[in-house]
Amino acid sequence: QVQLVESGGGLVQPGGSLRLSCAASQTIYSIKTMGWYRQAPGKERELVVAIFIDGSTSSAGSTDYADSVKGRFTIFRDNDKKRVHLQMNSLKPEDTEVYYCNAVMMTIPFDRYVEHWGQGTLVTVSS
């Protein structure tokens, strides 16, 4: 079964930067979207940013950012398209949440697209 393996996260001071990375654990036939969501205790999981890959009807490479992170966070992917990174700058205490990698992928040709989630990584912004 495909897994999304996350790395990065941790403790950073306000105004600081962190980078999160996410990679699929095995060969993927087609990816529709990859991105990051975040969730605080007692709240619903919310989209941080998504990037549309070749399997999407949207233009490949186009992105969708939450208003709260525009201008501060940037998503980019490796050339093999199976790995994405989230560069987080100018971090604020309200960015403190668990961040989850998300991908909609097809692992077998002509099969259906399935949504996958990473295990989550905690980002803490505090002085």
N, C-alpha and C. Protein backbone atom coordinates (compact mmCIF):
# COMPACT_ATOMS: atom_id res chain seq x y z
N GLN A 1 0.85 -1.18 0.00
CA GLN A 1 0.00 0.00 0.00
C GLN A 1 0.89 1.24 0.00
N VAL A 2 0.48 2.21 -0.78
CA VAL A 2 1.26 3.44 -0.89
C VAL A 2 1.21 4.20 0.42
N GLN A 3 2.35 4.70 0.82
CA GLN A 3 2.43 5.56 1.99
C GLN A 3 3.01 6.90 1.58
N LEU A 4 2.59 7.93 2.27
CA LEU A 4 3.19 9.26 2.12
C LEU A 4 4.09 9.47 3.32
N VAL A 5 5.37 9.66 3.05
CA VAL A 5 6.36 9.79 4.11
C VAL A 5 6.72 11.27 4.27
N GLU A 6 6.46 11.80 5.46
CA GLU A 6 6.70 13.22 5.73
C GLU A 6 8.00 13.39 6.51
N SER A 7 8.61 14.55 6.35
CA SER A 7 9.77 14.92 7.14
C SER A 7 9.76 16.43 7.33
N GLY A 8 10.50 16.86 8.31
CA GLY A 8 10.53 18.27 8.66
C GLY A 8 9.64 18.52 9.86
N GLY A 9 9.29 19.76 10.08
CA GLY A 9 8.50 20.09 11.25
C GLY A 9 9.39 20.30 12.46
N GLY A 10 8.77 20.64 13.57
CA GLY A 10 9.52 20.88 14.79
C GLY A 10 9.19 22.22 15.41
N LEU A 11 10.11 22.70 16.24
CA LEU A 11 9.91 23.96 16.97
C LEU A 11 10.70 25.08 16.31
N VAL A 12 10.05 26.22 16.15
CA VAL A 12 10.71 27.38 15.56
C VAL A 12 10.17 28.63 16.23
N GLN A 13 10.99 29.66 16.28
CA GLN A 13 10.56 30.92 16.88
C GLN A 13 9.72 31.71 15.89
N PRO A 14 8.86 32.57 16.38
CA PRO A 14 8.08 33.44 15.48
C PRO A 14 8.99 34.21 14.53
N GLY A 15 8.58 34.25 13.26
CA GLY A 15 9.39 34.88 12.23
C GLY A 15 10.37 33.94 11.57
N GLY A 16 10.51 32.76 12.10
CA GLY A 16 11.44 31.79 11.57
C GLY A 16 10.88 31.01 10.39
N SER A 17 11.67 30.04 9.93
CA SER A 17 11.30 29.24 8.75
C SER A 17 11.46 27.75 9.03
N LEU A 18 10.65 26.97 8.32
CA LEU A 18 10.75 25.52 8.34
C LEU A 18 10.41 25.00 6.96
N ARG A 19 10.90 23.81 6.67
CA ARG A 19 10.53 23.16 5.41
C ARG A 19 10.01 21.77 5.72
N LEU A 20 8.84 21.48 5.15
CA LEU A 20 8.27 20.14 5.22
C LEU A 20 8.44 19.46 3.88
N SER A 21 8.66 18.15 3.92
CA SER A 21 8.78 17.37 2.69
C SER A 21 7.86 16.16 2.77
N CYS A 22 7.43 15.71 1.60
CA CYS A 22 6.52 14.56 1.53
C CYS A 22 6.85 13.79 0.26
N ALA A 23 6.97 12.47 0.40
CA ALA A 23 7.27 11.63 -0.75
C ALA A 23 6.42 10.38 -0.72
N ALA A 24 6.03 9.91 -1.90
CA ALA A 24 5.32 8.64 -2.02
C ALA A 24 6.32 7.50 -1.87
N SER A 25 5.88 6.43 -1.21
CA SER A 25 6.79 5.35 -0.86
C SER A 25 7.04 4.36 -1.99
N GLN A 26 6.29 4.46 -3.09
CA GLN A 26 6.49 3.52 -4.17
C GLN A 26 6.15 4.19 -5.50
N THR A 27 6.37 3.46 -6.56
CA THR A 27 6.11 3.99 -7.89
C THR A 27 4.64 4.34 -8.06
N ILE A 28 4.41 5.52 -8.59
CA ILE A 28 3.06 6.01 -8.81
C ILE A 28 2.83 6.18 -10.31
N TYR A 29 1.66 5.73 -10.79
CA TYR A 29 1.38 5.85 -12.22
C TYR A 29 0.98 7.28 -12.57
N SER A 30 0.14 7.88 -11.75
CA SER A 30 -0.34 9.23 -12.05
C SER A 30 -0.75 9.92 -10.76
N ILE A 31 -0.43 11.20 -10.67
CA ILE A 31 -0.81 11.99 -9.50
C ILE A 31 -1.70 13.13 -9.97
N LYS A 32 -2.81 13.32 -9.30
CA LYS A 32 -3.70 14.42 -9.64
C LYS A 32 -3.33 15.67 -8.83
N THR A 33 -3.21 15.54 -7.54
CA THR A 33 -2.83 16.65 -6.68
C THR A 33 -1.96 16.16 -5.55
N MET A 34 -1.10 17.04 -5.05
CA MET A 34 -0.37 16.83 -3.80
C MET A 34 -0.44 18.13 -3.03
N GLY A 35 -0.39 18.02 -1.72
CA GLY A 35 -0.46 19.24 -0.94
C GLY A 35 -0.41 18.99 0.54
N TRP A 36 -0.74 20.04 1.28
CA TRP A 36 -0.67 20.00 2.73
C TRP A 36 -1.96 20.54 3.34
N TYR A 37 -2.39 19.87 4.39
CA TYR A 37 -3.48 20.32 5.22
C TYR A 37 -2.93 20.48 6.64
N ARG A 38 -3.66 21.18 7.47
CA ARG A 38 -3.25 21.29 8.86
C ARG A 38 -4.47 21.26 9.77
N GLN A 39 -4.22 20.85 11.00
CA GLN A 39 -5.32 20.68 11.94
C GLN A 39 -4.86 21.02 13.35
N ALA A 40 -5.63 21.87 14.01
CA ALA A 40 -5.38 22.20 15.41
C ALA A 40 -6.34 21.39 16.27
N PRO A 41 -6.01 21.17 17.54
CA PRO A 41 -6.89 20.40 18.41
C PRO A 41 -8.30 20.98 18.47
N GLY A 42 -9.29 20.13 18.27
CA GLY A 42 -10.67 20.56 18.34
C GLY A 42 -11.19 21.28 17.11
N LYS A 43 -10.35 21.37 16.08
CA LYS A 43 -10.77 22.06 14.86
C LYS A 43 -10.74 21.11 13.68
N GLU A 44 -11.41 21.51 12.59
CA GLU A 44 -11.41 20.69 11.40
C GLU A 44 -10.09 20.85 10.64
N ARG A 45 -9.76 19.82 9.91
CA ARG A 45 -8.57 19.88 9.06
C ARG A 45 -8.84 20.85 7.91
N GLU A 46 -7.87 21.71 7.62
CA GLU A 46 -8.05 22.72 6.59
C GLU A 46 -6.92 22.67 5.58
N LEU A 47 -7.25 23.06 4.37
CA LEU A 47 -6.25 23.10 3.31
C LEU A 47 -5.25 24.22 3.56
N VAL A 48 -3.98 23.89 3.42
CA VAL A 48 -2.92 24.91 3.43
C VAL A 48 -2.58 25.28 1.99
N VAL A 49 -2.25 24.27 1.21
CA VAL A 49 -1.92 24.50 -0.19
C VAL A 49 -1.98 23.18 -0.94
N ALA A 50 -2.40 23.24 -2.19
CA ALA A 50 -2.38 22.09 -3.08
C ALA A 50 -1.72 22.49 -4.39
N ILE A 51 -1.04 21.53 -5.00
CA ILE A 51 -0.46 21.75 -6.31
C ILE A 51 -1.02 20.69 -7.24
N PHE A 52 -1.42 21.14 -8.43
CA PHE A 52 -2.04 20.25 -9.39
C PHE A 52 -0.96 19.63 -10.27
N ILE A 53 -1.02 18.32 -10.39
CA ILE A 53 -0.01 17.58 -11.12
C ILE A 53 -0.61 17.14 -12.46
N ASP A 54 0.08 16.31 -13.19
CA ASP A 54 -0.31 16.00 -14.55
C ASP A 54 -1.69 15.38 -14.68
N GLY A 55 -2.13 14.63 -13.70
CA GLY A 55 -3.39 13.91 -13.81
C GLY A 55 -4.61 14.78 -13.57
N SER A 56 -4.39 16.06 -13.27
CA SER A 56 -5.52 16.93 -12.95
C SER A 56 -6.05 17.63 -14.20
N THR A 57 -7.30 18.03 -14.14
CA THR A 57 -7.86 18.82 -15.23
C THR A 57 -7.40 20.27 -15.15
N SER A 58 -6.92 20.67 -13.99
CA SER A 58 -6.35 22.02 -13.86
C SER A 58 -4.96 22.03 -14.47
N SER A 59 -4.47 23.21 -14.78
CA SER A 59 -3.15 23.33 -15.38
C SER A 59 -2.09 22.74 -14.46
N ALA A 60 -1.27 21.86 -15.00
CA ALA A 60 -0.22 21.25 -14.21
C ALA A 60 0.70 22.32 -13.66
N GLY A 61 0.96 22.23 -12.37
CA GLY A 61 1.80 23.21 -11.72
C GLY A 61 1.05 24.33 -11.05
N SER A 62 -0.23 24.47 -11.35
CA SER A 62 -1.01 25.53 -10.69
C SER A 62 -1.21 25.16 -9.23
N THR A 63 -1.43 26.19 -8.42
CA THR A 63 -1.50 26.00 -6.98
C THR A 63 -2.73 26.68 -6.39
N ASP A 64 -3.11 26.24 -5.21
CA ASP A 64 -4.24 26.79 -4.49
C ASP A 64 -3.80 26.96 -3.05
N TYR A 65 -3.62 28.21 -2.61
CA TYR A 65 -3.16 28.52 -1.26
C TYR A 65 -4.29 29.04 -0.39
N ALA A 66 -4.26 28.69 0.89
CA ALA A 66 -5.16 29.32 1.84
C ALA A 66 -4.75 30.78 2.00
N ASP A 67 -5.72 31.66 2.17
CA ASP A 67 -5.42 33.09 2.30
C ASP A 67 -4.45 33.37 3.44
N SER A 68 -4.54 32.59 4.50
CA SER A 68 -3.74 32.85 5.69
C SER A 68 -2.25 32.60 5.49
N VAL A 69 -1.88 31.89 4.42
CA VAL A 69 -0.47 31.57 4.21
C VAL A 69 0.10 32.18 2.94
N LYS A 70 -0.74 32.85 2.16
CA LYS A 70 -0.26 33.45 0.91
C LYS A 70 0.85 34.45 1.19
N GLY A 71 1.91 34.36 0.39
CA GLY A 71 3.05 35.25 0.56
C GLY A 71 4.06 34.76 1.58
N ARG A 72 3.70 33.76 2.36
CA ARG A 72 4.61 33.24 3.38
C ARG A 72 5.03 31.80 3.11
N PHE A 73 4.11 31.00 2.59
CA PHE A 73 4.39 29.60 2.32
C PHE A 73 4.51 29.39 0.81
N THR A 74 5.39 28.45 0.43
CA THR A 74 5.55 28.12 -0.97
C THR A 74 5.66 26.61 -1.12
N ILE A 75 4.88 26.06 -2.04
CA ILE A 75 4.96 24.64 -2.33
C ILE A 75 5.73 24.46 -3.63
N PHE A 76 6.60 23.46 -3.68
CA PHE A 76 7.28 23.13 -4.91
C PHE A 76 7.57 21.63 -4.92
N ARG A 77 7.76 21.12 -6.13
CA ARG A 77 7.92 19.68 -6.25
C ARG A 77 9.24 19.34 -6.94
N ASP A 78 9.73 18.13 -6.69
CA ASP A 78 10.92 17.65 -7.38
C ASP A 78 10.54 17.24 -8.80
N ASN A 79 11.55 17.12 -9.65
CA ASN A 79 11.30 16.78 -11.04
C ASN A 79 10.64 15.43 -11.20
N ASP A 80 10.90 14.52 -10.29
CA ASP A 80 10.26 13.20 -10.42
C ASP A 80 8.79 13.26 -10.05
N LYS A 81 8.33 14.42 -9.57
CA LYS A 81 6.92 14.71 -9.29
C LYS A 81 6.33 13.87 -8.17
N LYS A 82 7.12 13.01 -7.57
CA LYS A 82 6.59 12.21 -6.47
C LYS A 82 6.85 12.82 -5.10
N ARG A 83 7.61 13.92 -5.07
CA ARG A 83 7.97 14.55 -3.81
C ARG A 83 7.61 16.02 -3.88
N VAL A 84 6.99 16.50 -2.80
CA VAL A 84 6.70 17.93 -2.70
C VAL A 84 7.28 18.47 -1.41
N HIS A 85 7.55 19.76 -1.45
CA HIS A 85 8.11 20.44 -0.30
C HIS A 85 7.26 21.67 0.01
N LEU A 86 7.18 21.98 1.28
CA LEU A 86 6.47 23.18 1.71
C LEU A 86 7.45 24.06 2.47
N GLN A 87 7.84 25.16 1.87
CA GLN A 87 8.72 26.12 2.52
C GLN A 87 7.85 27.12 3.27
N MET A 88 8.03 27.18 4.57
CA MET A 88 7.22 28.05 5.42
C MET A 88 8.11 29.15 6.01
N ASN A 89 7.84 30.36 5.64
CA ASN A 89 8.60 31.52 6.13
C ASN A 89 7.70 32.42 6.96
N SER A 90 8.33 33.31 7.71
CA SER A 90 7.60 34.27 8.54
C SER A 90 6.53 33.58 9.38
N LEU A 91 6.93 32.52 10.01
CA LEU A 91 5.97 31.72 10.78
C LEU A 91 5.42 32.50 11.97
N LYS A 92 4.15 32.24 12.25
CA LYS A 92 3.45 32.90 13.34
C LYS A 92 2.97 31.86 14.35
N PRO A 93 2.75 32.26 15.60
CA PRO A 93 2.24 31.29 16.58
C PRO A 93 0.96 30.60 16.12
N GLU A 94 0.12 31.30 15.37
CA GLU A 94 -1.13 30.68 14.92
C GLU A 94 -0.91 29.64 13.83
N ASP A 95 0.31 29.49 13.34
CA ASP A 95 0.62 28.41 12.41
C ASP A 95 0.89 27.10 13.14
N THR A 96 0.88 27.13 14.45
CA THR A 96 1.14 25.93 15.25
C THR A 96 0.00 24.95 15.08
N GLU A 97 0.26 23.86 14.37
CA GLU A 97 -0.74 22.83 14.10
C GLU A 97 -0.01 21.57 13.65
N VAL A 98 -0.75 20.50 13.51
CA VAL A 98 -0.23 19.29 12.89
C VAL A 98 -0.48 19.40 11.38
N TYR A 99 0.57 19.20 10.62
CA TYR A 99 0.50 19.33 9.17
C TYR A 99 0.49 17.93 8.54
N TYR A 100 -0.45 17.74 7.61
CA TYR A 100 -0.64 16.44 6.96
C TYR A 100 -0.39 16.57 5.46
N CYS A 101 0.44 15.68 4.94
CA CYS A 101 0.60 15.61 3.50
C CYS A 101 -0.61 14.88 2.90
N ASN A 102 -1.03 15.34 1.74
CA ASN A 102 -2.19 14.74 1.06
C ASN A 102 -1.86 14.55 -0.41
N ALA A 103 -2.30 13.45 -0.97
CA ALA A 103 -2.09 13.22 -2.40
C ALA A 103 -3.24 12.40 -2.95
N VAL A 104 -3.66 12.76 -4.15
CA VAL A 104 -4.66 11.98 -4.89
C VAL A 104 -3.92 11.31 -6.03
N MET A 105 -3.83 10.00 -5.97
CA MET A 105 -2.92 9.28 -6.87
C MET A 105 -3.57 8.04 -7.45
N MET A 106 -3.04 7.64 -8.61
CA MET A 106 -3.40 6.38 -9.25
C MET A 106 -2.14 5.53 -9.27
N THR A 107 -2.16 4.37 -8.62
CA THR A 107 -0.96 3.55 -8.53
C THR A 107 -0.88 2.52 -9.65
N ILE A 108 -2.01 2.15 -10.22
CA ILE A 108 -2.06 1.15 -11.28
C ILE A 108 -2.70 1.80 -12.50
N PRO A 109 -2.13 1.63 -13.69
CA PRO A 109 -2.73 2.24 -14.89
C PRO A 109 -4.20 1.89 -15.04
N PHE A 110 -4.97 2.92 -15.34
CA PHE A 110 -6.40 2.79 -15.63
C PHE A 110 -7.23 2.43 -14.40
N ASP A 111 -6.61 2.48 -13.25
CA ASP A 111 -7.35 2.29 -12.01
C ASP A 111 -7.92 3.64 -11.58
N ARG A 112 -8.58 3.68 -10.45
CA ARG A 112 -9.17 4.95 -10.00
C ARG A 112 -8.16 5.73 -9.17
N TYR A 113 -8.40 7.05 -9.08
CA TYR A 113 -7.59 7.88 -8.20
C TYR A 113 -8.08 7.70 -6.76
N VAL A 114 -7.11 7.61 -5.85
CA VAL A 114 -7.41 7.40 -4.43
C VAL A 114 -6.68 8.46 -3.62
N GLU A 115 -7.34 8.95 -2.59
CA GLU A 115 -6.75 9.96 -1.72
C GLU A 115 -5.92 9.27 -0.63
N HIS A 116 -4.72 9.80 -0.40
CA HIS A 116 -3.83 9.26 0.61
C HIS A 116 -3.41 10.37 1.56
N TRP A 117 -3.10 9.99 2.80
CA TRP A 117 -2.68 10.95 3.82
C TRP A 117 -1.38 10.49 4.48
N GLY A 118 -0.54 11.45 4.83
CA GLY A 118 0.62 11.17 5.65
C GLY A 118 0.23 11.04 7.11
N GLN A 119 1.20 10.72 7.94
CA GLN A 119 0.92 10.48 9.35
C GLN A 119 0.81 11.77 10.15
N GLY A 120 1.24 12.87 9.58
CA GLY A 120 1.16 14.16 10.28
C GLY A 120 2.47 14.50 10.94
N THR A 121 2.83 15.77 10.90
CA THR A 121 4.03 16.25 11.58
C THR A 121 3.69 17.56 12.29
N LEU A 122 4.15 17.69 13.52
CA LEU A 122 3.80 18.85 14.33
C LEU A 122 4.74 20.01 14.06
N VAL A 123 4.14 21.17 13.81
CA VAL A 123 4.89 22.41 13.68
C VAL A 123 4.49 23.30 14.86
N THR A 124 5.48 23.71 15.63
CA THR A 124 5.24 24.56 16.79
C THR A 124 6.00 25.86 16.63
N VAL A 125 5.27 26.96 16.66
CA VAL A 125 5.88 28.29 16.55
C VAL A 125 5.73 28.98 17.89
N SER A 126 6.85 29.13 18.57
CA SER A 126 6.81 29.68 19.92
C SER A 126 8.17 30.24 20.30
N SER A 127 8.15 31.27 21.12
CA SER A 127 9.40 31.83 21.62
C SER A 127 9.75 31.22 22.96
